[in-house]
């Protein structure tokens, strides 16, 4: 699913305008990335767990 499709689905299921759906998605992704950068795992019910990658410094 691409971003426009996801935004349409969020907007239609919540009844909010597409611009608000875009803001919600942006906040979600920003928070997920921030948590992963802090070394925390992210649990998404129905999808799974995302763990931060262990990257060796160069």
PDB file of N, CA and C in Angstrom:
ATOM      1  N   UNK A   1       0.842  -1.162   0.000  1.00  0.00           N
ATOM      2  CA  UNK A   1       0.000   0.000   0.000  1.00  0.00           C
ATOM      3  C   UNK A   1       0.895   1.235   0.000  1.00  0.00           C
ATOM      4  N   UNK A   2       0.594   2.143  -0.874  1.00  0.00           N
ATOM      5  CA  UNK A   2       1.371   3.384  -0.968  1.00  0.00           C
ATOM      6  C   UNK A   2       0.736   4.459  -0.099  1.00  0.00           C
ATOM      7  N   UNK A   3       1.485   5.515   0.156  1.00  0.00           N
ATOM      8  CA  UNK A   3       1.052   6.569   1.066  1.00  0.00           C
ATOM      9  C   UNK A   3      -0.319   7.152   0.720  1.00  0.00           C
ATOM     10  N   UNK A   4      -0.591   7.516  -0.546  1.00  0.00           N
ATOM     11  CA  UNK A   4      -1.914   8.076  -0.839  1.00  0.00           C
ATOM     12  C   UNK A   4      -3.057   7.106  -0.510  1.00  0.00           C
ATOM     13  N   UNK A   5      -2.841   5.823  -0.757  1.00  0.00           N
ATOM     14  CA  UNK A   5      -3.867   4.829  -0.431  1.00  0.00           C
ATOM     15  C   UNK A   5      -4.074   4.744   1.082  1.00  0.00           C
ATOM     16  N   UNK A   6      -2.979   4.767   1.807  1.00  0.00           N
ATOM     17  CA  UNK A   6      -3.049   4.712   3.260  1.00  0.00           C
ATOM     18  C   UNK A   6      -3.754   5.943   3.818  1.00  0.00           C
ATOM     19  N   UNK A   7      -3.442   7.092   3.279  1.00  0.00           N
ATOM     20  CA  UNK A   7      -4.090   8.325   3.729  1.00  0.00           C
ATOM     21  C   UNK A   7      -5.586   8.295   3.439  1.00  0.00           C
ATOM     22  N   UNK A   8      -5.968   7.811   2.271  1.00  0.00           N
ATOM     23  CA  UNK A   8      -7.389   7.693   1.937  1.00  0.00           C
ATOM     24  C   UNK A   8      -8.099   6.762   2.918  1.00  0.00           C
ATOM     25  N   UNK A   9      -7.446   5.661   3.254  1.00  0.00           N
ATOM     26  CA  UNK A   9      -8.049   4.700   4.185  1.00  0.00           C
ATOM     27  C   UNK A   9      -8.178   5.291   5.585  1.00  0.00           C
ATOM     28  N   UNK A  10      -7.145   6.001   6.030  1.00  0.00           N
ATOM     29  CA  UNK A  10      -7.215   6.644   7.351  1.00  0.00           C
ATOM     30  C   UNK A  10      -8.335   7.677   7.367  1.00  0.00           C
ATOM     31  N   UNK A  11      -8.392   8.507   6.338  1.00  0.00           N
ATOM     32  CA  UNK A  11      -9.408   9.565   6.271  1.00  0.00           C
ATOM     33  C   UNK A  11     -10.815   8.976   6.243  1.00  0.00           C
ATOM     34  N   UNK A  12     -11.011   7.942   5.453  1.00  0.00           N
ATOM     35  CA  UNK A  12     -12.360   7.380   5.349  1.00  0.00           C
ATOM     36  C   UNK A  12     -12.774   6.634   6.614  1.00  0.00           C
ATOM     37  N   UNK A  13     -11.831   5.976   7.273  1.00  0.00           N
ATOM     38  CA  UNK A  13     -12.200   5.215   8.470  1.00  0.00           C
ATOM     39  C   UNK A  13     -12.382   6.099   9.695  1.00  0.00           C
ATOM     40  N   UNK A  14     -11.730   7.254   9.717  1.00  0.00           N
ATOM     41  CA  UNK A  14     -11.856   8.148  10.874  1.00  0.00           C
ATOM     42  C   UNK A  14     -12.808   9.309  10.628  1.00  0.00           C
ATOM     43  N   UNK A  15     -13.134   9.556   9.358  1.00  0.00           N
ATOM     44  CA  UNK A  15     -14.013  10.667   9.030  1.00  0.00           C
ATOM     45  C   UNK A  15     -13.320  12.016   9.049  1.00  0.00           C
ATOM     46  N   UNK A  16     -11.999  12.006   9.091  1.00  0.00           N
ATOM     47  CA  UNK A  16     -11.254  13.264   9.115  1.00  0.00           C
ATOM     48  C   UNK A  16     -10.845  13.646   7.689  1.00  0.00           C
ATOM     49  N   UNK A  17     -10.527  14.918   7.469  1.00  0.00           N
ATOM     50  CA  UNK A  17     -10.056  15.345   6.153  1.00  0.00           C
ATOM     51  C   UNK A  17      -8.703  14.706   5.815  1.00  0.00           C
ATOM     52  N   UNK A  18      -8.383  14.537   4.536  1.00  0.00           N
ATOM     53  CA  UNK A  18      -7.107  13.946   4.133  1.00  0.00           C
ATOM     54  C   UNK A  18      -5.887  14.672   4.714  1.00  0.00           C
ATOM     55  N   UNK A  19      -5.963  15.984   4.863  1.00  0.00           N
ATOM     56  CA  UNK A  19      -4.828  16.728   5.427  1.00  0.00           C
ATOM     57  C   UNK A  19      -4.579  16.330   6.878  1.00  0.00           C
ATOM     58  N   UNK A  20      -5.642  16.101   7.623  1.00  0.00           N
ATOM     59  CA  UNK A  20      -5.502  15.666   9.015  1.00  0.00           C
ATOM     60  C   UNK A  20      -4.945  14.247   9.055  1.00  0.00           C
ATOM     61  N   UNK A  21      -5.411  13.393   8.149  1.00  0.00           N
ATOM     62  CA  UNK A  21      -4.893  12.023   8.065  1.00  0.00           C
ATOM     63  C   UNK A  21      -3.397  12.043   7.768  1.00  0.00           C
ATOM     64  N   UNK A  22      -2.972  12.947   6.884  1.00  0.00           N
ATOM     65  CA  UNK A  22      -1.550  13.064   6.551  1.00  0.00           C
ATOM     66  C   UNK A  22      -0.745  13.485   7.776  1.00  0.00           C
ATOM     67  N   UNK A  23      -1.278  14.414   8.557  1.00  0.00           N
ATOM     68  CA  UNK A  23      -0.602  14.844   9.781  1.00  0.00           C
ATOM     69  C   UNK A  23      -0.509  13.698  10.791  1.00  0.00           C
ATOM     70  N   UNK A  24      -1.579  12.927  10.908  1.00  0.00           N
ATOM     71  CA  UNK A  24      -1.583  11.793  11.842  1.00  0.00           C
ATOM     72  C   UNK A  24      -0.543  10.754  11.437  1.00  0.00           C
ATOM     73  N   UNK A  25      -0.482  10.458  10.151  1.00  0.00           N
ATOM     74  CA  UNK A  25       0.488   9.481   9.674  1.00  0.00           C
ATOM     75  C   UNK A  25       1.910   9.987   9.890  1.00  0.00           C
ATOM     76  N   UNK A  26       2.138  11.261   9.620  1.00  0.00           N
ATOM     77  CA  UNK A  26       3.462  11.847   9.820  1.00  0.00           C
ATOM     78  C   UNK A  26       3.878  11.772  11.290  1.00  0.00           C
ATOM     79  N   UNK A  27       2.958  12.063  12.198  1.00  0.00           N
ATOM     80  CA  UNK A  27       3.254  11.987  13.630  1.00  0.00           C
ATOM     81  C   UNK A  27       3.557  10.552  14.047  1.00  0.00           C
ATOM     82  N   UNK A  28       2.802   9.599  13.509  1.00  0.00           N
ATOM     83  CA  UNK A  28       3.033   8.196  13.828  1.00  0.00           C
ATOM     84  C   UNK A  28       4.426   7.758  13.404  1.00  0.00           C
ATOM     85  N   UNK A  29       4.791   8.057  12.162  1.00  0.00           N
ATOM     86  CA  UNK A  29       6.101   7.651  11.646  1.00  0.00           C
ATOM     87  C   UNK A  29       7.221   8.349  12.419  1.00  0.00           C
ATOM     88  N   UNK A  30       7.047   9.623  12.706  1.00  0.00           N
ATOM     89  CA  UNK A  30       8.052  10.376  13.466  1.00  0.00           C
ATOM     90  C   UNK A  30       8.267   9.761  14.843  1.00  0.00           C
ATOM     91  N   UNK A  31       7.174   9.406  15.518  1.00  0.00           N
ATOM     92  CA  UNK A  31       7.291   8.804  16.852  1.00  0.00           C
ATOM     93  C   UNK A  31       7.911   7.418  16.794  1.00  0.00           C
ATOM     94  N   UNK A  32       7.559   6.628  15.800  1.00  0.00           N
ATOM     95  CA  UNK A  32       8.143   5.294  15.656  1.00  0.00           C
ATOM     96  C   UNK A  32       9.646   5.378  15.430  1.00  0.00           C
ATOM     97  N   UNK A  33      10.060   6.250  14.534  1.00  0.00           N
ATOM     98  CA  UNK A  33      11.486   6.395  14.230  1.00  0.00           C
ATOM     99  C   UNK A  33      12.239   6.900  15.453  1.00  0.00           C
ATOM    100  N   UNK A  34      11.670   7.859  16.168  1.00  0.00           N
ATOM    101  CA  UNK A  34      12.329   8.398  17.364  1.00  0.00           C
ATOM    102  C   UNK A  34      12.519   7.309  18.412  1.00  0.00           C
ATOM    103  N   UNK A  35      11.497   6.491  18.606  1.00  0.00           N
ATOM    104  CA  UNK A  35      11.605   5.415  19.592  1.00  0.00           C
ATOM    105  C   UNK A  35      12.661   4.401  19.184  1.00  0.00           C
ATOM    106  N   UNK A  36      12.701   4.047  17.910  1.00  0.00           N
ATOM    107  CA  UNK A  36      13.706   3.103  17.426  1.00  0.00           C
ATOM    108  C   UNK A  36      15.109   3.676  17.566  1.00  0.00           C
ATOM    109  N   UNK A  37      15.279   4.958  17.310  1.00  0.00           N
ATOM    110  CA  UNK A  37      16.595   5.599  17.444  1.00  0.00           C
ATOM    111  C   UNK A  37      17.075   5.608  18.888  1.00  0.00           C
ATOM    112  N   UNK A  38      16.122   5.603  19.826  1.00  0.00           N
ATOM    113  CA  UNK A  38      16.491   5.539  21.254  1.00  0.00           C
ATOM    114  C   UNK A  38      16.764   4.110  21.695  1.00  0.00           C
ATOM    115  N   UNK A  39      16.674   3.164  20.750  1.00  0.00           N
ATOM    116  CA  UNK A  39      16.967   1.772  21.069  1.00  0.00           C
ATOM    117  C   UNK A  39      15.789   0.998  21.625  1.00  0.00           C
ATOM    118  N   UNK A  40      14.604   1.561  21.540  1.00  0.00           N
ATOM    119  CA  UNK A  40      13.401   0.909  22.060  1.00  0.00           C
ATOM    120  C   UNK A  40      12.720   0.126  20.944  1.00  0.00           C
ATOM    121  N   UNK A  41      12.021  -0.920  21.321  1.00  0.00           N
ATOM    122  CA  UNK A  41      11.252  -1.668  20.329  1.00  0.00           C
ATOM    123  C   UNK A  41       9.859  -1.062  20.213  1.00  0.00           C
ATOM    124  N   UNK A  42       9.231  -1.288  19.079  1.00  0.00           N
ATOM    125  CA  UNK A  42       7.896  -0.777  18.811  1.00  0.00           C
ATOM    126  C   UNK A  42       6.993  -1.972  18.554  1.00  0.00           C
ATOM    127  N   UNK A  43       5.916  -2.076  19.320  1.00  0.00           N
ATOM    128  CA  UNK A  43       4.960  -3.160  19.149  1.00  0.00           C
ATOM    129  C   UNK A  43       3.721  -2.590  18.469  1.00  0.00           C
ATOM    130  N   UNK A  44       3.368  -3.173  17.325  1.00  0.00           N
ATOM    131  CA  UNK A  44       2.181  -2.755  16.593  1.00  0.00           C
ATOM    132  C   UNK A  44       1.216  -3.939  16.594  1.00  0.00           C
ATOM    133  N   UNK A  45       0.135  -3.850  17.376  1.00  0.00           N
ATOM    134  CA  UNK A  45      -0.807  -4.967  17.462  1.00  0.00           C
ATOM    135  C   UNK A  45      -1.331  -5.364  16.077  1.00  0.00           C
ATOM    136  N   UNK A  46      -1.341  -6.656  15.835  1.00  0.00           N
ATOM    137  CA  UNK A  46      -1.820  -7.173  14.564  1.00  0.00           C
ATOM    138  C   UNK A  46      -0.772  -7.167  13.472  1.00  0.00           C
ATOM    139  N   UNK A  47       0.356  -6.525  13.726  1.00  0.00           N
ATOM    140  CA  UNK A  47       1.418  -6.453  12.725  1.00  0.00           C
ATOM    141  C   UNK A  47       2.693  -7.118  13.220  1.00  0.00           C
ATOM    142  N   UNK A  48       3.106  -6.779  14.427  1.00  0.00           N
ATOM    143  CA  UNK A  48       4.312  -7.388  14.978  1.00  0.00           C
ATOM    144  C   UNK A  48       5.146  -6.397  15.756  1.00  0.00           C
ATOM    145  N   UNK A  49       6.375  -6.796  15.999  1.00  0.00           N
ATOM    146  CA  UNK A  49       7.312  -5.986  16.761  1.00  0.00           C
ATOM    147  C   UNK A  49       8.460  -5.549  15.860  1.00  0.00           C
ATOM    148  N   UNK A  50       8.798  -4.274  15.945  1.00  0.00           N
ATOM    149  CA  UNK A  50       9.930  -3.740  15.195  1.00  0.00           C
ATOM    150  C   UNK A  50      11.015  -3.438  16.210  1.00  0.00           C
ATOM    151  N   UNK A  51      12.171  -4.009  15.994  1.00  0.00           N
ATOM    152  CA  UNK A  51      13.297  -3.786  16.899  1.00  0.00           C
ATOM    153  C   UNK A  51      14.353  -2.956  16.187  1.00  0.00           C
ATOM    154  N   UNK A  52      15.060  -2.111  16.935  1.00  0.00           N
ATOM    155  CA  UNK A  52      16.117  -1.320  16.295  1.00  0.00           C
ATOM    156  C   UNK A  52      17.238  -2.230  15.802  1.00  0.00           C
ATOM    157  N   UNK A  53      17.776  -1.886  14.671  1.00  0.00           N
ATOM    158  CA  UNK A  53      18.881  -2.659  14.098  1.00  0.00           C
ATOM    159  C   UNK A  53      20.163  -2.371  14.870  1.00  0.00           C
ATOM    160  N   UNK A  54      20.977  -3.381  15.019  1.00  0.00           N
ATOM    161  CA  UNK A  54      22.290  -3.189  15.644  1.00  0.00           C
ATOM    162  C   UNK A  54      23.272  -2.924  14.517  1.00  0.00           C
ATOM    163  N   UNK A  55      23.715  -1.689  14.425  1.00  0.00           N
ATOM    164  CA  UNK A  55      24.625  -1.285  13.358  1.00  0.00           C
ATOM    165  C   UNK A  55      25.988  -1.025  13.967  1.00  0.00           C
ATOM    166  N   UNK A  56      26.989  -1.653  13.415  1.00  0.00           N
ATOM    167  CA  UNK A  56      28.360  -1.466  13.880  1.00  0.00           C
ATOM    168  C   UNK A  56      28.880  -0.129  13.370  1.00  0.00           C
ATOM    169  N   UNK A  57      29.540   0.652  14.213  1.00  0.00           N
ATOM    170  CA  UNK A  57      30.116   1.914  13.755  1.00  0.00           C
ATOM    171  C   UNK A  57      31.217   1.665  12.724  1.00  0.00           C
ATOM    172  N   UNK A  58      31.344   2.601  11.805  1.00  0.00           N
ATOM    173  CA  UNK A  58      32.364   2.462  10.751  1.00  0.00           C
ATOM    174  C   UNK A  58      33.695   2.970  11.226  1.00  0.00           C
TER     175      UNK A  58
END
